[in-house]
Each structure stands twice: as structure tokens, then as C-alpha cells.
Protein backbone atom coordinates (compact mmCIF):
# COMPACT_ATOMS: atom_id res chain seq x y z
CA MET A 1 -58.23 14.54 71.92
CA ASP A 2 -59.36 14.49 67.90
CA ILE A 3 -58.09 12.01 65.55
CA LEU A 4 -56.18 14.73 63.35
CA GLU A 5 -54.38 15.55 66.42
CA SER A 6 -53.42 11.73 67.10
CA VAL A 7 -52.29 11.42 63.64
CA LYS A 8 -50.29 14.48 63.62
CA MET A 9 -48.88 13.50 66.95
CA ALA A 10 -48.04 9.79 65.47
CA VAL A 11 -46.06 11.20 62.40
CA LYS A 12 -44.15 13.27 64.78
CA THR A 13 -43.20 10.20 66.67
CA LEU A 14 -42.44 7.90 63.74
CA THR A 15 -40.19 10.30 61.85
CA ALA A 16 -38.25 11.17 64.84
CA ASN A 17 -36.74 7.89 64.65
CA LYS A 18 -36.67 7.41 60.65
CA LEU A 19 -34.13 4.41 60.82
CA ARG A 20 -36.30 2.33 63.14
CA SER A 21 -39.37 3.17 61.45
CA THR A 22 -38.16 2.43 58.08
CA LEU A 23 -36.52 -0.96 59.27
CA THR A 24 -39.92 -1.59 60.88
CA MET A 25 -41.62 -1.32 57.84
CA LEU A 26 -39.29 -3.72 55.90
CA GLY A 27 -41.28 -6.74 56.36
CA ILE A 28 -44.75 -5.39 55.03
CA ILE A 29 -42.83 -3.70 52.31
CA ILE A 30 -41.14 -7.01 51.18
CA GLY A 31 -44.32 -8.85 51.61
CA ASN A 32 -46.37 -6.65 49.41
CA ALA A 33 -43.87 -6.35 46.64
CA SER A 34 -43.74 -10.04 46.91
CA VAL A 35 -47.44 -10.74 46.78
CA ILE A 36 -47.97 -7.95 43.88
CA THR A 37 -45.08 -9.21 41.74
CA MET A 38 -45.98 -12.75 42.23
CA VAL A 39 -49.74 -12.68 41.36
CA GLY A 40 -48.94 -10.56 38.38
CA VAL A 41 -45.97 -12.82 36.81
CA GLY A 42 -48.36 -15.86 37.86
CA GLN A 43 -51.45 -14.12 35.44
CA GLY A 44 -48.65 -13.21 32.98
CA ALA A 45 -47.66 -16.67 32.82
CA GLN A 46 -51.29 -18.24 32.38
CA ARG A 47 -51.91 -15.60 29.63
CA TYR A 48 -48.66 -16.88 27.70
CA ALA A 49 -49.83 -20.62 27.97
CA SER A 50 -52.91 -19.30 26.52
CA SER A 51 -51.67 -17.58 23.68
CA GLN A 52 -49.47 -20.38 22.96
CA PHE A 53 -52.54 -22.87 22.91
CA GLU A 54 -54.47 -20.50 20.87
CA SER A 55 -52.06 -20.28 18.43
CA LEU A 56 -52.40 -24.20 17.66
CA GLY A 57 -56.14 -23.02 16.32
CA PRO A 58 -59.33 -23.69 18.21
CA ASN A 59 -60.00 -27.14 16.39
CA VAL A 60 -56.97 -29.05 16.92
CA LEU A 61 -56.96 -32.25 18.97
CA PHE A 62 -53.95 -34.53 20.39
CA VAL A 63 -53.74 -38.28 21.03
CA ILE A 64 -50.97 -39.52 23.38
CA PRO A 65 -50.18 -42.73 24.40
CA GLY A 66 -50.93 -43.89 27.57
CA SER A 67 -53.55 -42.96 30.18
CA SER A 68 -53.60 -41.67 33.83
CA GLU A 69 -55.81 -44.77 34.68
CA SER A 70 -54.42 -48.00 34.78
CA ARG A 71 -53.83 -49.89 31.73
CA ASN A 72 -55.83 -52.81 32.26
CA ARG A 73 -56.40 -54.69 28.41
CA THR A 74 -56.23 -57.64 26.57
CA LEU A 75 -53.16 -59.36 25.60
CA ASP A 76 -53.40 -58.71 21.86
CA ALA A 77 -54.09 -55.03 21.97
CA PRO A 78 -51.62 -52.52 20.40
CA ARG A 79 -49.27 -50.75 23.42
CA THR A 80 -48.69 -47.89 21.27
CA LEU A 81 -50.28 -45.42 18.65
CA THR A 82 -49.42 -46.24 15.11
CA LEU A 83 -49.49 -44.75 11.76
CA GLU A 84 -52.58 -47.46 11.15
CA ASP A 85 -54.29 -45.45 14.05
CA ALA A 86 -53.49 -42.34 12.25
CA LYS A 87 -54.85 -43.71 8.84
CA ALA A 88 -58.00 -44.99 10.41
CA ILE A 89 -58.72 -41.84 12.15
CA ALA A 90 -58.43 -39.89 8.73
CA THR A 91 -60.79 -42.09 7.07
CA GLN A 92 -63.04 -43.35 9.50
CA VAL A 93 -63.84 -40.05 11.66
CA PRO A 94 -66.29 -37.72 9.36
CA THR A 95 -65.87 -34.44 11.85
CA VAL A 96 -61.91 -34.75 11.30
CA SER A 97 -60.49 -32.37 8.29
CA GLY A 98 -56.62 -32.90 8.71
CA VAL A 99 -54.65 -35.72 10.53
CA ALA A 100 -50.71 -35.75 11.34
CA PRO A 101 -48.78 -38.68 12.78
CA GLN A 102 -45.67 -37.55 14.37
CA LEU A 103 -42.47 -39.30 15.18
CA GLN A 104 -39.65 -37.57 17.00
CA THR A 105 -36.21 -37.84 18.69
CA GLN A 106 -33.22 -35.74 19.34
CA GLN A 107 -30.02 -36.20 16.91
CA ALA A 108 -27.27 -34.21 16.11
CA VAL A 109 -27.39 -32.29 12.41
CA VAL A 110 -23.98 -31.66 10.82
CA TYR A 111 -23.46 -29.37 7.72
CA SER A 112 -19.89 -29.32 6.57
CA ASN A 113 -17.83 -28.45 9.90
CA ARG A 114 -21.08 -27.08 11.99
CA SER A 115 -22.92 -29.63 14.03
CA THR A 116 -25.91 -28.85 16.18
CA SER A 117 -28.26 -31.32 18.13
CA ALA A 118 -31.81 -30.71 17.30
CA LEU A 119 -35.41 -32.07 17.31
CA ILE A 120 -36.30 -34.43 14.00
CA LEU A 121 -39.85 -34.84 13.51
CA GLY A 122 -40.97 -37.31 11.18
CA THR A 123 -44.70 -36.77 10.00
CA THR A 124 -46.73 -36.57 7.20
CA PRO A 125 -47.85 -33.55 4.55
CA ASP A 126 -50.76 -32.59 6.54
CA PHE A 127 -48.54 -31.58 9.30
CA SER A 128 -48.20 -27.90 8.38
CA SER A 129 -52.00 -27.53 7.90
CA VAL A 130 -53.20 -29.36 10.49
CA ARG A 131 -50.58 -27.33 13.10
CA THR A 132 -50.38 -23.90 10.82
CA PHE A 133 -46.80 -24.09 10.10
CA ASP A 134 -45.86 -22.36 6.59
CA VAL A 135 -43.23 -22.59 4.50
CA ALA A 136 -40.99 -19.53 4.03
CA ASN A 137 -38.95 -20.84 1.14
CA GLY A 138 -39.32 -24.07 -1.08
CA ARG A 139 -41.56 -26.80 0.03
CA PHE A 140 -42.84 -28.95 2.87
CA ILE A 141 -42.81 -32.69 2.78
CA SER A 142 -44.95 -34.20 0.20
CA ASP A 143 -46.95 -37.54 -0.16
CA LEU A 144 -44.35 -38.68 -2.89
CA ASP A 145 -41.63 -38.39 -0.19
CA VAL A 146 -43.43 -40.32 2.24
CA GLN A 147 -44.08 -43.12 -0.13
CA ARG A 148 -41.00 -43.14 -1.48
CA GLY A 149 -39.04 -42.77 1.73
CA THR A 150 -36.98 -39.97 0.41
CA ARG A 151 -34.10 -38.17 2.47
CA SER A 152 -35.71 -34.76 2.05
CA VAL A 153 -35.75 -32.42 5.21
CA ALA A 154 -37.57 -29.05 6.08
CA LEU A 155 -35.89 -27.30 8.41
CA GLY A 156 -36.89 -24.53 11.32
CA PRO A 157 -35.27 -20.94 10.58
CA ASP A 158 -33.45 -21.20 13.85
CA LEU A 159 -31.77 -24.65 12.80
CA ALA A 160 -31.04 -23.15 9.40
CA LYS A 161 -29.16 -20.04 10.78
CA SER A 162 -27.09 -22.42 12.85
CA LEU A 163 -26.22 -24.64 9.91
CA PHE A 164 -25.82 -22.22 6.99
CA GLY A 165 -25.61 -19.26 8.86
CA ALA A 166 -26.27 -16.22 6.20
CA SER A 167 -26.17 -18.81 3.01
CA ASP A 168 -29.11 -20.17 1.09
CA PRO A 169 -29.75 -23.80 2.50
CA LEU A 170 -32.18 -25.17 -0.50
CA GLY A 171 -30.61 -27.66 -2.19
CA GLN A 172 -27.83 -28.42 0.40
CA THR A 173 -26.80 -31.57 2.00
CA ILE A 174 -27.03 -32.22 5.75
CA ARG A 175 -26.67 -35.19 7.74
CA ILE A 176 -28.40 -37.07 10.19
CA LYS A 177 -27.54 -39.86 11.98
CA ASN A 178 -24.54 -39.98 9.53
CA ILE A 179 -27.11 -40.20 6.50
CA SER A 180 -27.46 -37.33 4.12
CA PHE A 181 -30.28 -35.64 3.63
CA GLN A 182 -31.34 -32.82 1.07
CA VAL A 183 -32.63 -29.44 2.21
CA ILE A 184 -35.99 -29.00 0.30
CA GLY A 185 -37.87 -26.10 2.32
CA ILE A 186 -37.18 -23.53 5.35
CA MET A 187 -40.11 -22.73 7.07
CA GLU A 188 -41.54 -19.83 8.77
CA ALA A 189 -40.59 -18.68 12.30
CA LYS A 190 -43.46 -20.52 14.99
CA GLY A 191 -41.52 -19.52 18.33
CA ALA A 192 -41.48 -21.30 21.16
CA PHE A 193 -44.37 -23.79 22.44
CA LEU A 194 -44.27 -24.38 26.33
CA GLY A 195 -40.60 -24.00 26.72
CA ASN A 196 -39.49 -26.11 23.38
CA ASN A 197 -38.19 -24.09 20.52
CA GLN A 198 -40.38 -24.98 17.11
CA ASP A 199 -37.96 -23.32 15.18
CA ASP A 200 -35.20 -25.67 16.11
CA VAL A 201 -36.50 -28.33 14.28
CA ALA A 202 -35.70 -30.92 11.21
CA TYR A 203 -38.94 -32.20 9.53
CA ILE A 204 -38.50 -35.27 7.52
CA PRO A 205 -40.88 -37.87 6.00
CA LEU A 206 -42.46 -39.90 8.81
CA SER A 207 -41.36 -43.33 6.47
CA THR A 208 -38.11 -42.22 6.65
CA MET A 209 -37.67 -41.62 9.88
CA SER A 210 -39.36 -44.67 11.11
CA ASP A 211 -37.29 -47.04 8.31
CA GLN A 212 -33.89 -45.05 8.61
CA ILE A 213 -33.64 -43.09 12.02
CA THR A 214 -35.29 -44.66 14.71
CA GLY A 215 -36.04 -47.96 13.50
CA ASN A 216 -39.70 -49.72 13.68
CA THR A 217 -39.77 -50.62 17.36
CA SER A 218 -43.57 -51.73 17.45
CA PRO A 219 -44.88 -55.08 16.67
CA TYR A 220 -48.06 -53.49 15.41
CA GLY A 221 -46.79 -51.19 12.66
CA THR A 222 -45.34 -47.74 12.32
CA GLU A 223 -44.99 -46.68 15.92
CA VAL A 224 -45.88 -42.53 16.23
CA THR A 225 -45.15 -40.15 19.03
CA PHE A 226 -48.13 -38.60 19.16
CA ILE A 227 -51.34 -37.53 16.62
CA SER A 228 -52.03 -34.30 15.99
CA ILE A 229 -55.58 -33.77 14.39
CA ALA A 230 -57.80 -30.82 12.95
CA ALA A 231 -61.52 -30.85 13.26
CA ARG A 232 -63.75 -29.37 10.60
CA ASP A 233 -64.21 -26.67 12.99
CA GLU A 234 -64.56 -25.56 16.34
CA ASN A 235 -68.18 -26.67 17.09
CA SER A 236 -66.89 -30.46 15.89
CA VAL A 237 -64.23 -30.46 18.59
CA GLY A 238 -66.48 -32.12 21.03
CA ALA A 239 -67.82 -34.93 18.64
CA ALA A 240 -64.41 -35.37 16.71
CA GLN A 241 -63.11 -36.40 20.25
CA PHE A 242 -65.93 -38.74 21.05
CA GLN A 243 -65.40 -40.34 17.75
CA ILE A 244 -61.71 -40.71 17.71
CA THR A 245 -62.00 -42.22 21.28
CA ASN A 246 -64.61 -44.91 20.23
CA LEU A 247 -62.48 -45.82 17.37
CA LEU A 248 -59.23 -46.06 18.89
CA ARG A 249 -61.11 -48.33 21.69
CA LEU A 250 -62.21 -50.58 19.06
CA ARG A 251 -58.93 -50.97 17.32
CA HIS A 252 -56.93 -51.33 20.65
CA LYS A 253 -59.54 -53.69 21.67
CA ILE A 254 -59.99 -52.02 24.91
CA VAL A 255 -61.43 -53.90 27.62
CA THR A 256 -61.58 -51.51 30.59
CA ASP A 257 -59.13 -48.44 30.64
CA ASP A 258 -58.12 -46.81 27.68
CA ASP A 259 -54.12 -46.91 26.89
CA PHE A 260 -54.41 -43.51 24.77
CA THR A 261 -55.71 -40.23 25.87
CA VAL A 262 -57.46 -37.64 23.20
CA ARG A 263 -56.77 -33.86 24.45
CA THR A 264 -58.37 -30.98 23.03
CA GLN A 265 -56.72 -27.24 23.13
CA LYS A 266 -59.74 -26.83 25.64
CA ASP A 267 -58.33 -29.38 27.63
CA ALA A 268 -54.95 -28.33 27.61
CA LEU A 269 -55.82 -25.06 28.48
CA GLU A 270 -57.82 -26.03 31.61
CA VAL A 271 -54.66 -28.06 32.50
CA VAL A 272 -52.26 -24.95 32.23
CA GLY A 273 -54.51 -22.77 33.69
CA ASN A 274 -55.01 -25.03 37.09
CA VAL A 275 -51.39 -25.29 37.37
CA ALA A 276 -50.32 -21.87 37.02
CA GLY A 277 -53.20 -20.70 38.91
CA ALA A 278 -52.27 -23.18 41.64
CA LEU A 279 -48.55 -22.13 41.41
CA THR A 280 -49.48 -18.18 41.78
CA ILE A 281 -51.42 -19.01 44.90
CA MET A 282 -49.04 -20.83 46.42
CA LEU A 283 -46.41 -18.37 45.44
CA ALA A 284 -48.29 -15.38 46.78
CA ALA A 285 -49.22 -17.61 49.72
CA ILE A 286 -45.29 -17.87 50.27
CA ALA A 287 -44.73 -14.23 49.85
CA GLY A 288 -47.80 -13.35 52.03
CA ILE A 289 -45.66 -14.96 54.87
CA SER A 290 -43.52 -11.72 54.75
CA LEU A 291 -46.44 -9.58 55.87
CA PHE A 292 -47.10 -11.87 58.93
CA VAL A 293 -43.38 -11.24 59.75
CA GLY A 294 -43.71 -7.86 59.09
CA GLY A 295 -46.53 -7.56 61.39
CA ILE A 296 -44.62 -9.37 64.15
CA GLY A 297 -41.82 -6.53 63.55
CA ILE A 298 -44.30 -3.70 64.23
CA MET A 299 -45.56 -5.18 67.43
CA ASN A 300 -42.20 -5.74 68.71
CA ILE A 301 -41.38 -1.95 68.09
CA MET A 302 -44.32 -0.70 69.20
CA LEU A 303 -44.02 -2.79 72.17
CA VAL A 304 -40.26 -1.37 72.69
CA SER A 305 -42.02 2.03 72.38
CA VAL A 306 -44.32 1.77 75.22
CA ARG A 307 -41.44 1.27 77.07
CA GLU A 308 -39.52 3.65 76.12
CA ARG A 309 -42.62 6.39 76.40
CA THR A 310 -43.77 5.22 79.91
CA GLN A 311 -43.29 8.67 80.96
CA GLU A 312 -45.01 10.35 78.26
CA ILE A 313 -47.85 7.93 78.98
CA GLY A 314 -48.01 8.92 82.30
CA LEU A 315 -47.79 12.73 82.07
CA ARG A 316 -50.73 12.56 79.33
CA LYS A 317 -52.74 10.61 81.56
CA ALA A 318 -52.09 12.92 84.56
CA ILE A 319 -52.99 15.93 82.77
CA GLY A 320 -56.46 14.06 81.55
CA ALA A 321 -55.65 11.68 78.51
CA SER A 322 -58.03 8.73 78.60
CA GLN A 323 -57.28 5.09 77.97
CA ASP A 324 -58.96 5.05 74.55
CA ASP A 325 -56.52 8.22 73.70
CA ILE A 326 -53.53 6.58 74.58
CA LEU A 327 -55.15 3.40 72.94
CA VAL A 328 -56.04 5.07 69.64
CA GLN A 329 -52.67 6.97 69.47
CA PHE A 330 -50.47 3.85 69.29
CA ILE A 331 -53.01 1.93 67.21
CA ILE A 332 -52.59 4.81 64.66
CA GLU A 333 -49.02 4.52 64.69
CA ALA A 334 -48.91 1.01 63.90
CA ILE A 335 -51.70 1.42 61.12
CA ILE A 336 -49.36 4.59 59.70
CA LEU A 337 -46.33 2.11 59.62
CA ALA A 338 -48.12 -0.54 58.17
CA ALA A 339 -49.98 1.39 55.50
CA LEU A 340 -47.04 3.22 54.51
CA GLY A 341 -44.84 0.36 54.41
CA GLY A 342 -47.71 -1.21 51.99
CA ALA A 343 -47.45 1.70 49.97
CA VAL A 344 -43.91 1.38 49.05
CA GLY A 345 -44.19 -1.93 48.80
CA THR A 346 -46.73 -1.66 46.12
CA LEU A 347 -44.71 0.89 44.09
CA ILE A 348 -42.04 -1.56 44.46
CA GLY A 349 -44.23 -4.61 43.22
CA VAL A 350 -45.83 -2.59 40.25
CA GLY A 351 -42.16 -1.89 39.07
CA GLY A 352 -40.79 -5.52 39.46
CA VAL A 353 -44.13 -6.36 37.26
CA THR A 354 -43.35 -3.83 34.83
CA LEU A 355 -39.83 -5.15 34.37
CA VAL A 356 -40.84 -8.92 33.80
CA SER A 357 -43.21 -7.76 31.09
CA MET A 358 -40.55 -5.71 29.48
CA VAL A 359 -37.48 -8.18 29.76
CA SER A 360 -39.67 -11.66 29.31
CA PRO A 361 -42.37 -12.89 26.74
CA LEU A 362 -44.56 -13.13 29.97
CA LYS A 363 -47.33 -10.53 29.62
CA ALA A 364 -47.32 -9.83 33.27
CA SER A 365 -49.71 -7.03 34.35
CA VAL A 366 -50.75 -5.63 37.97
CA SER A 367 -53.76 -7.25 39.47
CA PRO A 368 -55.93 -4.35 40.85
CA ALA A 369 -57.61 -7.23 43.17
CA ALA A 370 -53.51 -8.19 44.34
CA VAL A 371 -52.83 -4.52 45.30
CA MET A 372 -55.94 -3.74 47.21
CA VAL A 373 -55.81 -7.24 49.17
CA ALA A 374 -52.01 -6.84 49.45
CA VAL A 375 -52.47 -2.98 51.08
CA GLY A 376 -55.51 -3.87 52.94
CA VAL A 377 -54.02 -6.88 54.54
CA SER A 378 -51.15 -4.79 55.54
CA SER A 379 -53.26 -2.27 57.20
CA GLY A 380 -55.17 -4.85 58.57
CA ILE A 381 -51.89 -6.17 60.02
CA GLY A 382 -51.02 -2.75 61.53
CA LEU A 383 -54.08 -2.53 63.35
CA PHE A 384 -54.26 -6.14 64.49
CA PHE A 385 -50.82 -6.52 65.86
CA GLY A 386 -50.89 -2.93 67.21
CA VAL A 387 -53.88 -3.61 69.58
CA VAL A 388 -51.32 -5.44 72.30
CA PRO A 389 -48.97 -2.85 72.78
CA ALA A 390 -51.65 -0.30 72.59
CA ARG A 391 -53.76 -1.71 75.40
CA GLN A 392 -50.53 -2.44 77.38
CA ALA A 393 -49.78 1.44 77.43
CA ALA A 394 -53.72 2.27 77.64
CA LYS A 395 -53.80 0.26 80.76
CA LEU A 396 -50.58 1.99 82.43
CA ASP A 397 -51.36 3.39 85.65
CA PRO A 398 -50.36 7.23 85.35
CA ILE A 399 -48.74 7.11 89.16
CA VAL A 400 -46.62 3.86 88.14
CA ALA A 401 -45.50 5.02 84.93
CA LEU A 402 -43.98 8.56 86.45
CA ARG A 403 -42.50 6.29 89.14
CA SER A 404 -40.83 4.27 86.54
CA ALA A 405 -39.71 7.13 84.77
């Protein structure tokens, strides 16, 4: 019997039991759709995270308190980052063009009878240039505001809308921790960064923040949450990281391990990419279990089919069909079930990826490699799990088969 004739017979057999064939394919369909969707969404998450970091600019660095290593150091070394550290970086590191220390906390912000919780960020004038935050109306914090510790505040657009609605906030007075602040500016929309809404923030002078909002909690100077730094250009980032690290080690009198971490955008991208990649692989592997389950379902149904078609097998062998003919017949049926299930699952997966990209900020896209792997694996599963029932059918003795019928 030729292959074409075997395919025709397989299709006829499978269409005779449409419901059973559909249920058999269900595991393969779910597996393929899940793998393609998870890989697409995972890659979309990686691209989204990359775009978030790229929006910072290629020459931005961050100094963060603490280290992944143990914190062995001398007893008189600072335990936190301070404003003095930021000033030292600005004046003593030649590859740096801007330094913006930041001290932040969450507080209630009140205007008239409206109240909302927002991130309060104390910083310096360099913040807007280092982090590329532009002012839409009014102005940002000035050097004079920091020197005098004025109660001036610039609002993110979302926070301004929550408090003032359509009214003009400039010149109005809001309260933070029961302290009155005058609104001096409204920032341009910046969007979310790693899940944090950067437009729902109140920016005040760092000196005002440490003196009147959080209090000065460090015995080594004005404590800061972290320091944002702009290198002179993209080529200076590596040198800036090296120089900042050496300077802070000297200032903190580091003996063994650092009590701070200097991160570049590239470092952050690598970390995010590795995490997102690992999660994508894990999710795809979990989804791939459905393919294995689907293969077991195919084998189970094919074994049942062998029992049901014992008479047919006996008759075909009696009129001259060889073991190879019977073997090929059942393997083709298993492959058709797996391949058709893979095709339907692929269509559903592509639809799922498209839907995610439409309703979320993740620019998910269909991975051709994921499609090829999923369809190839599903077809291979059909072949693998179809061999056992096919061999069982091929080895049936025609006389025994006819008697059992």
C-alpha cells in the first residue's frame, strides 16, 4: 500500500469519530498554544524592560546602598549613602557630567478635600537632566530651593490630575505630612518604569526632605536612598563606574567587601534579560508538559482503536497486508492527530500573543522558532507515542484477530 492511500484511510478513520479525535487532540492544542503564547509574552516582557531602561539614556549609572557580598568593613565606615558621597562624585570623578542624589518615601498628599498617597522624592536640580525628566509647566527645583530648604514642589502629571483635576495647580498649596508646599511646576508625562508610575510623584528639595519629612537618620550626613549619575558619554560609562567605585571605597574606608553597588544600564538590562529569559523558559517548559500529556492521550486512544479494529486488521492481513502496512497506517493516524492539533494550537497561540500585544504594554510577538519547535515537537510526539499501538496492531496474528472479532 502506498503512503497516499494510507493517509486517505487514516483521514477517513479519524473523521468517522470526530468527537473522540477532537478530544484526543486537545492536549496537543493546549500545549502548542501555551508554549507559543508564553514565549511570545516572555520576549515581549524582555523588550518592554529593555525599552524602559533605554529611556534612561545609555550613559546613566546608579549607586545603591548595600552589596550582594558580605558587609565586612571597619567600624567607623558609613553604613549608608550620603549627600556628601554624591557631592564627592560630582567634584572628583572627571567622567561624570551630572549627579542627582535621591531620598524618597511614601506619604499622603492633600489639597483641599482631596487626598492621595504618592511617592515623595527629595532631590537636586540635576535630577531633571540626569534622568531626562522635562517640565511641562512652571519650573523644577532650583539650587536656591535646595540651599534655603524651601517648601516648593513639582508634581508629576498624574498626581496633579488626582489633586486638581482640570484646574491649574501652579501657585496652589498642597500639604505633605501636614506641611504646606507651593506647587512650582508640572512635569512632562514619563510613564511607568518597572511597574512604578513615574507620573505619580512629588519632587521637593532634598534638604527639605531630609530636614522636615524623613528626618536625618544617618550619623554620617544626609542619607540618600540612591544616587543617579550621568556619565559624559556612552563611552565613559565603564570608566565612570570604575572611578566611582574606587572613590566610594576610599570614602567608606572599605577593608574587604563593598557596602554599595554601582550599576550601569547595561548591568540592569542583563539582569532583567536573564530573569525574563529564565521565566520564559520555565513557563514554556511548564506549558510543554501539556504536549507530553497530549502524547499520552494519543497513545491511549490509539491503543483503544487497535482493540476496536481487531477485525479490520485481521481482514487486511488475511488479504495480503504486511506488518509494515499496518504499522504505517496507525503511525500516520497518530501523526495526523498530533500535527492537526499542533496547527490548531499554533493558530490559538498566535491569536493569544496578538491579543496580549493589543491590550497590554508588552509588545509581544510570535516567535518563528517557538512555532517551529512547538509544531515539530507535537508531530514528533505523535510519531513517538503512536509507535507502541502501531507495533501492537502490526504484530496481531490474522487468525487470532479474526477469531477475537
